[in-house]
Protein backbone atom coordinates (compact mmCIF):
# COMPACT_ATOMS: atom_id res chain seq x y z
CA MET A 1 -128.91 -117.80 -206.00
CA ASP A 2 -126.11 -119.05 -203.55
CA LYS A 3 -127.67 -121.42 -200.57
CA ILE A 4 -127.29 -119.49 -197.28
CA PRO A 5 -125.14 -121.55 -194.49
CA GLU A 6 -126.91 -123.37 -192.05
CA GLU A 7 -125.50 -121.01 -189.42
CA GLU A 8 -127.02 -117.87 -190.88
CA ASN A 9 -130.62 -119.75 -191.73
CA LYS A 10 -131.50 -119.94 -188.00
CA LYS A 11 -134.94 -118.68 -186.57
CA ARG A 12 -134.75 -115.61 -185.08
CA GLY A 13 -137.08 -114.57 -182.12
CA ARG A 14 -137.44 -115.70 -178.42
CA ARG A 15 -136.11 -119.32 -177.77
CA PRO A 16 -138.52 -121.57 -175.75
CA LYS A 17 -138.13 -121.46 -172.10
CA ASN A 18 -136.77 -125.38 -171.41
CA GLN A 19 -134.56 -125.21 -174.44
CA LYS A 20 -130.34 -125.18 -174.10
CA ARG A 21 -128.71 -122.60 -175.49
CA GLU A 22 -125.59 -124.10 -177.47
CA PHE A 23 -122.24 -122.34 -177.34
CA SER A 24 -119.89 -122.79 -180.16
CA VAL A 25 -116.42 -121.01 -180.11
CA LYS A 26 -115.60 -119.29 -183.03
CA GLU A 27 -112.06 -119.85 -183.97
CA GLU A 28 -111.56 -117.21 -186.01
CA GLN A 29 -112.02 -114.59 -183.52
CA THR A 30 -108.71 -112.83 -182.77
CA LYS A 31 -109.70 -109.86 -180.38
CA PHE A 32 -111.34 -109.78 -177.04
CA PHE A 33 -112.52 -107.07 -175.08
CA VAL A 34 -113.06 -106.81 -171.16
CA ASP A 35 -115.16 -104.57 -170.01
CA LEU A 36 -114.59 -103.56 -166.29
CA SER A 37 -115.91 -100.49 -165.99
CA SER A 38 -118.74 -101.34 -163.65
CA GLU A 39 -116.28 -103.76 -161.40
CA LYS A 40 -114.22 -101.45 -159.28
CA GLU A 41 -112.44 -104.52 -157.40
CA SER A 42 -111.65 -106.33 -160.40
CA LEU A 43 -110.04 -103.24 -161.99
CA ASP A 44 -108.24 -102.26 -158.92
CA LEU A 45 -106.68 -105.59 -158.86
CA ILE A 46 -105.61 -105.70 -162.50
CA PHE A 47 -104.17 -102.28 -162.00
CA GLY A 48 -102.14 -103.25 -158.76
CA LEU A 49 -100.57 -106.39 -160.44
CA LEU A 50 -99.73 -104.19 -163.80
CA ARG A 51 -98.00 -101.74 -161.10
CA LYS A 52 -96.26 -104.69 -159.48
CA CYS A 53 -95.01 -106.35 -162.51
CA ASN A 54 -93.74 -102.97 -164.11
CA ASP A 55 -91.95 -101.94 -160.86
CA LYS A 56 -88.45 -102.93 -162.39
CA GLY A 57 -85.28 -101.41 -163.42
CA HIS A 58 -85.11 -102.69 -167.08
CA GLY A 59 -87.23 -104.67 -169.85
CA GLN A 60 -90.34 -103.83 -171.84
CA GLN A 61 -93.57 -102.50 -170.35
CA ILE A 62 -95.95 -105.50 -169.22
CA ILE A 63 -99.32 -105.15 -170.29
CA PHE A 64 -102.93 -106.53 -169.61
CA LYS A 65 -102.41 -109.06 -172.31
CA ASP A 66 -99.23 -110.46 -170.89
CA LEU A 67 -100.92 -111.02 -167.54
CA CYS A 68 -103.64 -113.03 -169.35
CA LEU A 69 -101.60 -115.26 -171.36
CA TYR A 70 -99.60 -116.11 -167.95
CA ALA A 71 -102.78 -116.93 -166.05
CA VAL A 72 -104.45 -118.47 -168.74
CA ALA A 73 -101.70 -120.85 -168.93
CA LYS A 74 -101.91 -121.75 -165.43
CA ILE A 75 -105.46 -122.55 -165.32
CA THR A 76 -106.13 -126.48 -164.21
CA ASP A 77 -109.06 -128.77 -164.67
CA LYS A 78 -110.21 -128.14 -161.40
CA ASP A 79 -110.21 -124.07 -161.95
CA ILE A 80 -112.51 -124.94 -164.88
CA GLU A 81 -114.96 -126.95 -162.86
CA LYS A 82 -114.83 -123.97 -160.46
CA ILE A 83 -115.84 -121.29 -163.11
CA GLN A 84 -118.33 -123.71 -164.79
CA GLU A 85 -119.84 -123.92 -160.88
CA GLY A 86 -119.91 -120.22 -160.84
CA SER A 87 -121.71 -119.64 -164.24
CA LEU A 88 -124.73 -121.62 -162.93
CA SER A 89 -127.82 -119.58 -162.05
CA GLU A 90 -129.80 -121.19 -158.60
CA MET A 91 -132.60 -122.61 -160.65
CA GLU A 92 -129.95 -124.30 -162.92
CA LYS A 93 -128.27 -125.87 -159.65
CA VAL A 94 -131.72 -127.16 -158.45
CA GLU A 95 -132.32 -128.63 -162.00
CA ARG A 96 -129.08 -130.32 -161.83
CA ALA A 97 -129.45 -131.70 -158.66
CA LEU A 98 -133.28 -133.22 -159.57
CA GLU A 99 -131.16 -134.59 -162.89
CA ASP A 100 -128.61 -136.37 -160.28
CA HIS A 101 -131.36 -137.49 -157.97
CA ASN A 102 -133.31 -138.98 -160.74
CA LEU A 103 -130.57 -140.96 -162.05
CA LYS A 104 -129.27 -142.30 -158.70
CA SER A 105 -132.62 -143.19 -157.53
CA GLY A 106 -134.07 -144.46 -161.01
CA SER A 107 -137.14 -142.51 -160.54
CA ASN A 108 -138.44 -139.69 -162.61
CA LEU A 109 -139.82 -136.95 -160.46
CA SER A 110 -140.79 -133.68 -161.40
CA LEU A 111 -139.35 -130.70 -160.18
CA GLY A 112 -142.34 -130.09 -157.99
CA GLU A 113 -142.37 -133.40 -156.64
CA PHE A 114 -138.39 -133.29 -155.97
CA LEU A 115 -139.03 -129.99 -154.15
CA VAL A 116 -141.76 -131.56 -151.78
CA LYS A 117 -139.40 -134.28 -150.91
CA LYS A 118 -136.13 -132.47 -150.42
CA LEU A 119 -137.84 -129.68 -148.40
CA GLY A 120 -140.07 -132.22 -146.34
CA ILE A 121 -143.17 -130.50 -147.15
CA ASN A 122 -146.36 -132.50 -146.64
């Protein structure tokens, strides 16, 4: 029998609460779908941009793909930092602040101890 590749040999079910999720980019992916059915403002913005782009006398029709490719090329490292910051939950921001505090002060406070200290609760 053939061996199952390591990627397919992963355990199924719930992951432990404290375990970090590992993300991997699948380079073989060639199609991307964007569902904006519940985001009316984003959808209106995109349609507005497409109308502006196609308000011309000559040339081929500009499609969403053209907008995306142009925009992706303009993303800077600062933009990536903003996107990463926006992906954090409130609790992840608190955990990051705790890790930063522990590194700077050389202490090993627990989350509860850190919150008590920051909030000034006695």
